Amino acid sequence: MSEENNTISVEFTGDKRINARVGDFLIQTDQPAKYGGKAGAPAPFDLFLASLATCAGIFAWNFCETRKIDTDGLALEMACLDDPKKKMIGEVRFLLTLPADFPEKYRQGIIRAMEQCAVKRHMQECPAFSVEIIE
């Protein structure tokens, strides 16, 4: 979504498939079979988690790129640990693998860069939500 247009249009395409138009892009979603979908696309919650992981990833990538650090071997996984009492994710861990020749002096810097991820920051400083019916 660009800064100029903060609107996402949702399309109800039948069954449990719900699509979103973000600028010129179409993002398709579906529900898993156990929730009545056909699992033909990622579930919305999976896309939410993927946005968090890819946001952290681009901050790590940009950190390396601006310092001319070779990204061969750079890898990122995100582990979501459940909180059984809340039946929600209780902790998100980013597991970053650095390239073999990554400079020691930048280890804390790349972590600080990843912590600037806009998706993560919006989760920490949650915006207000509202639902309105328009006619």
C-alpha atoms as a PDB file:
ATOM      1  CA  MET A   1       0.000   0.000   0.000  1.00  0.00           C
ATOM      2  CA  SER A   2       1.446   3.313  -0.966  1.00  0.00           C
ATOM      3  CA  GLU A   3       1.506   6.304   1.353  1.00  0.00           C
ATOM      4  CA  GLU A   4      -0.765   8.183  -1.053  1.00  0.00           C
ATOM      5  CA  ASN A   5      -3.536   5.578  -0.928  1.00  0.00           C
ATOM      6  CA  ASN A   6      -4.242   3.933   2.412  1.00  0.00           C
ATOM      7  CA  THR A   7      -7.317   2.050   1.207  1.00  0.00           C
ATOM      8  CA  ILE A   8      -7.508  -1.673   0.523  1.00  0.00           C
ATOM      9  CA  SER A   9     -10.539  -2.948  -1.382  1.00  0.00           C
ATOM     10  CA  VAL A  10     -11.870  -6.369  -0.394  1.00  0.00           C
ATOM     11  CA  GLU A  11     -13.533  -8.673  -2.919  1.00  0.00           C
ATOM     12  CA  PHE A  12     -15.853 -11.509  -1.900  1.00  0.00           C
ATOM     13  CA  THR A  13     -15.272 -14.077  -4.632  1.00  0.00           C
ATOM     14  CA  GLY A  14     -17.317 -17.016  -3.366  1.00  0.00           C
ATOM     15  CA  ASP A  15     -16.819 -19.777  -0.830  1.00  0.00           C
ATOM     16  CA  LYS A  16     -14.277 -18.674   1.768  1.00  0.00           C
ATOM     17  CA  ARG A  17     -12.023 -16.937  -0.760  1.00  0.00           C
ATOM     18  CA  ILE A  18     -11.587 -13.278   0.048  1.00  0.00           C
ATOM     19  CA  ASN A  19      -9.265 -11.128  -2.029  1.00  0.00           C
ATOM     20  CA  ALA A  20      -7.710  -7.759  -1.361  1.00  0.00           C
ATOM     21  CA  ARG A  21      -6.695  -5.127  -3.901  1.00  0.00           C
ATOM     22  CA  VAL A  22      -3.629  -3.233  -2.742  1.00  0.00           C
ATOM     23  CA  GLY A  23      -2.731  -0.699  -5.391  1.00  0.00           C
ATOM     24  CA  ASP A  24      -2.152  -2.677  -8.588  1.00  0.00           C
ATOM     25  CA  PHE A  25      -1.797  -5.988  -6.737  1.00  0.00           C
ATOM     26  CA  LEU A  26      -4.373  -8.680  -6.015  1.00  0.00           C
ATOM     27  CA  ILE A  27      -3.777 -10.664  -2.840  1.00  0.00           C
ATOM     28  CA  GLN A  28      -5.774 -13.867  -2.670  1.00  0.00           C
ATOM     29  CA  THR A  29      -6.768 -15.602   0.550  1.00  0.00           C
ATOM     30  CA  ASP A  30      -8.679 -18.723   1.456  1.00  0.00           C
ATOM     31  CA  GLN A  31      -9.432 -20.612   4.628  1.00  0.00           C
ATOM     32  CA  PRO A  32      -7.952 -23.986   5.507  1.00  0.00           C
ATOM     33  CA  ALA A  33     -10.200 -26.985   4.816  1.00  0.00           C
ATOM     34  CA  LYS A  34     -10.842 -27.458   8.538  1.00  0.00           C
ATOM     35  CA  TYR A  35     -12.512 -24.011   8.559  1.00  0.00           C
ATOM     36  CA  GLY A  36     -14.635 -24.640   5.469  1.00  0.00           C
ATOM     37  CA  GLY A  37     -12.239 -23.323   2.843  1.00  0.00           C
ATOM     38  CA  LYS A  38     -10.385 -25.113   0.068  1.00  0.00           C
ATOM     39  CA  ALA A  39      -6.882 -24.049   1.147  1.00  0.00           C
ATOM     40  CA  GLY A  40      -6.333 -22.573  -2.319  1.00  0.00           C
ATOM     41  CA  ALA A  41      -4.362 -19.582  -0.985  1.00  0.00           C
ATOM     42  CA  PRO A  42      -2.849 -18.491   2.321  1.00  0.00           C
ATOM     43  CA  ALA A  43      -5.256 -17.678   5.121  1.00  0.00           C
ATOM     44  CA  PRO A  44      -5.448 -13.995   6.107  1.00  0.00           C
ATOM     45  CA  PHE A  45      -3.677 -14.659   9.406  1.00  0.00           C
ATOM     46  CA  ASP A  46      -0.832 -16.386   7.552  1.00  0.00           C
ATOM     47  CA  LEU A  47      -0.428 -13.279   5.382  1.00  0.00           C
ATOM     48  CA  PHE A  48      -0.358 -11.144   8.515  1.00  0.00           C
ATOM     49  CA  LEU A  49       2.465 -13.259   9.939  1.00  0.00           C
ATOM     50  CA  ALA A  50       4.271 -13.283   6.592  1.00  0.00           C
ATOM     51  CA  SER A  51       4.110  -9.481   6.495  1.00  0.00           C
ATOM     52  CA  LEU A  52       5.836  -9.366   9.868  1.00  0.00           C
ATOM     53  CA  ALA A  53       8.588 -11.780   8.780  1.00  0.00           C
ATOM     54  CA  THR A  54       9.199 -10.136   5.394  1.00  0.00           C
ATOM     55  CA  CYS A  55       9.231  -6.664   6.969  1.00  0.00           C
ATOM     56  CA  ALA A  56      11.962  -7.744   9.398  1.00  0.00           C
ATOM     57  CA  GLY A  57      13.727  -9.387   6.473  1.00  0.00           C
ATOM     58  CA  ILE A  58      13.844  -6.256   4.326  1.00  0.00           C
ATOM     59  CA  PHE A  59      15.293  -4.288   7.235  1.00  0.00           C
ATOM     60  CA  ALA A  60      18.049  -6.907   7.625  1.00  0.00           C
ATOM     61  CA  TRP A  61      18.667  -6.907   3.866  1.00  0.00           C
ATOM     62  CA  ASN A  62      18.789  -3.114   3.667  1.00  0.00           C
ATOM     63  CA  PHE A  63      21.198  -2.991   6.617  1.00  0.00           C
ATOM     64  CA  CYS A  64      23.608  -5.225   4.727  1.00  0.00           C
ATOM     65  CA  GLU A  65      23.085  -3.528   1.373  1.00  0.00           C
ATOM     66  CA  THR A  66      23.803  -0.019   2.678  1.00  0.00           C
ATOM     67  CA  ARG A  67      27.053  -1.265   4.248  1.00  0.00           C
ATOM     68  CA  LYS A  68      28.044  -3.304   1.182  1.00  0.00           C
ATOM     69  CA  ILE A  69      27.953  -6.530   3.208  1.00  0.00           C
ATOM     70  CA  ASP A  70      27.540  -9.651   1.060  1.00  0.00           C
ATOM     71  CA  THR A  71      24.129 -11.210   1.792  1.00  0.00           C
ATOM     72  CA  ASP A  72      25.101 -14.703   0.636  1.00  0.00           C
ATOM     73  CA  GLY A  73      24.116 -16.893   3.573  1.00  0.00           C
ATOM     74  CA  LEU A  74      21.764 -14.331   5.124  1.00  0.00           C
ATOM     75  CA  ALA A  75      18.610 -16.164   6.221  1.00  0.00           C
ATOM     76  CA  LEU A  76      15.647 -15.428   8.456  1.00  0.00           C
ATOM     77  CA  GLU A  77      13.021 -17.618  10.064  1.00  0.00           C
ATOM     78  CA  MET A  78      10.242 -16.490  12.329  1.00  0.00           C
ATOM     79  CA  ALA A  79       8.997 -18.785  15.064  1.00  0.00           C
ATOM     80  CA  CYS A  80       5.586 -18.158  16.607  1.00  0.00           C
ATOM     81  CA  LEU A  81       5.224 -19.611  20.088  1.00  0.00           C
ATOM     82  CA  ASP A  82       1.699 -20.238  21.314  1.00  0.00           C
ATOM     83  CA  ASP A  83       0.254 -19.007  24.576  1.00  0.00           C
ATOM     84  CA  PRO A  84      -2.128 -21.858  25.446  1.00  0.00           C
ATOM     85  CA  LYS A  85      -4.016 -19.805  28.038  1.00  0.00           C
ATOM     86  CA  LYS A  86      -4.881 -17.044  25.575  1.00  0.00           C
ATOM     87  CA  LYS A  87      -5.074 -19.384  22.548  1.00  0.00           C
ATOM     88  CA  MET A  88      -3.006 -16.839  20.655  1.00  0.00           C
ATOM     89  CA  ILE A  89       0.620 -16.335  19.773  1.00  0.00           C
ATOM     90  CA  GLY A  90       2.472 -15.441  22.956  1.00  0.00           C
ATOM     91  CA  GLU A  91       5.907 -14.728  21.502  1.00  0.00           C
ATOM     92  CA  VAL A  92       7.423 -14.100  18.092  1.00  0.00           C
ATOM     93  CA  ARG A  93      11.097 -14.958  17.653  1.00  0.00           C
ATOM     94  CA  PHE A  94      13.153 -13.880  14.671  1.00  0.00           C
ATOM     95  CA  LEU A  95      15.943 -16.367  13.998  1.00  0.00           C
ATOM     96  CA  LEU A  96      18.557 -14.608  11.895  1.00  0.00           C
ATOM     97  CA  THR A  97      21.451 -16.426  10.255  1.00  0.00           C
ATOM     98  CA  LEU A  98      24.270 -14.083   9.317  1.00  0.00           C
ATOM     99  CA  PRO A  99      26.642 -14.587   6.402  1.00  0.00           C
ATOM    100  CA  ALA A 100      29.893 -16.323   7.374  1.00  0.00           C
ATOM    101  CA  ASP A 101      31.966 -13.162   6.957  1.00  0.00           C
ATOM    102  CA  PHE A 102      29.485 -10.794   8.648  1.00  0.00           C
ATOM    103  CA  PRO A 103      31.464  -8.142  10.580  1.00  0.00           C
ATOM    104  CA  GLU A 104      31.242  -8.576  14.360  1.00  0.00           C
ATOM    105  CA  LYS A 105      30.897  -4.797  14.840  1.00  0.00           C
ATOM    106  CA  TYR A 106      27.498  -4.854  13.050  1.00  0.00           C
ATOM    107  CA  ARG A 107      25.804  -7.682  14.964  1.00  0.00           C
ATOM    108  CA  GLN A 108      23.845  -5.420  17.323  1.00  0.00           C
ATOM    109  CA  GLY A 109      23.215  -2.922  14.524  1.00  0.00           C
ATOM    110  CA  ILE A 110      21.389  -5.407  12.326  1.00  0.00           C
ATOM    111  CA  ILE A 111      19.218  -6.394  15.297  1.00  0.00           C
ATOM    112  CA  ARG A 112      18.363  -2.739  15.949  1.00  0.00           C
ATOM    113  CA  ALA A 113      17.571  -2.298  12.257  1.00  0.00           C
ATOM    114  CA  MET A 114      15.178  -5.258  12.261  1.00  0.00           C
ATOM    115  CA  GLU A 115      13.455  -3.853  15.330  1.00  0.00           C
ATOM    116  CA  GLN A 116      12.440  -0.841  13.214  1.00  0.00           C
ATOM    117  CA  CYS A 117      10.111  -2.987  11.094  1.00  0.00           C
ATOM    118  CA  ALA A 118       6.926  -0.962  10.551  1.00  0.00           C
ATOM    119  CA  VAL A 119       4.643  -3.988  10.948  1.00  0.00           C
ATOM    120  CA  LYS A 120       6.187  -4.825  14.331  1.00  0.00           C
ATOM    121  CA  ARG A 121       6.029  -1.214  15.469  1.00  0.00           C
ATOM    122  CA  HIS A 122       2.326  -1.047  14.553  1.00  0.00           C
ATOM    123  CA  MET A 123       1.692  -4.140  16.652  1.00  0.00           C
ATOM    124  CA  GLN A 124       3.498  -2.586  19.592  1.00  0.00           C
ATOM    125  CA  GLU A 125       1.697   0.757  19.209  1.00  0.00           C
ATOM    126  CA  CYS A 126      -1.629  -0.599  18.060  1.00  0.00           C
ATOM    127  CA  PRO A 127      -3.828   1.761  16.024  1.00  0.00           C
ATOM    128  CA  ALA A 128      -7.468   2.267  16.897  1.00  0.00           C
ATOM    129  CA  PHE A 129      -9.935   0.096  14.993  1.00  0.00           C
ATOM    130  CA  SER A 130     -13.508   0.888  14.045  1.00  0.00           C
ATOM    131  CA  VAL A 131     -16.208  -0.580  11.837  1.00  0.00           C
ATOM    132  CA  GLU A 132     -18.636   1.684   9.994  1.00  0.00           C
ATOM    133  CA  ILE A 133     -21.555   0.871   7.725  1.00  0.00           C
ATOM    134  CA  ILE A 134     -21.648   3.068   4.650  1.00  0.00           C
ATOM    135  CA  GLU A 135     -24.589   3.437   2.320  1.00  0.00           C
END
